[in-house]
Amino acid sequence: MEAKPEGPNHSAKPRDSAETARDQTGKLLLAHPPLEDLVEFQRLKAELDALNQNHKQLLEQETQAKIRSEALAKQTGNVSHHSAEARELSQETRQLNLISQRAGGELKLLDPRIRTLKEKLSLYPSSERYLVDCFALDTGRQTQGLTVYDHGSVFQ
């Protein structure tokens, strides 16, 4: 994992070239990573992405229905009020208004769910990418040139 180790053993000026190479890579191994937290983050992010996609589609559906309805209303003004064409245009306008209202209603239901998910994701350092911001013990070991840290076990 990419990391930015901090603490007394990680001063601003590395002491030798091996330490310089290690600090420049910014990578380390974390024993006992917080996997449950990662899974929860991924679940929240996937749910938010799906709701945002659904929101976008509903918003576009609502907008298109409103635009078409307005165009039909203008067209209806140019037609005799008692003609068959006027009745068809009026019926289509009502259907488009119903579609727009339904989409608007669904959007109102989605907004609180999206807000709730954003609040939950705001607890993480980044809502776009899972970042681990935690204390870990420098074990003093290295594996394949990467320093090994131990996050420990989390009991709930």
Foldseek 3Di string as FASTA:
>chain_A
DAAQDDDDVDDPDDDDPLVVVQNVVRDAAEAAPPVVVVVVLVVLLVVLVVLVVLLVVLVVLLVVLVVVLVVLVVVLVVDDCPDPVNVVSVVSSVVSVVSNVVSVVVNVVSVVVNVVSVVVCVVAPDSPDHDDDADWAQPVDDDPSHTYTYRDHDDD
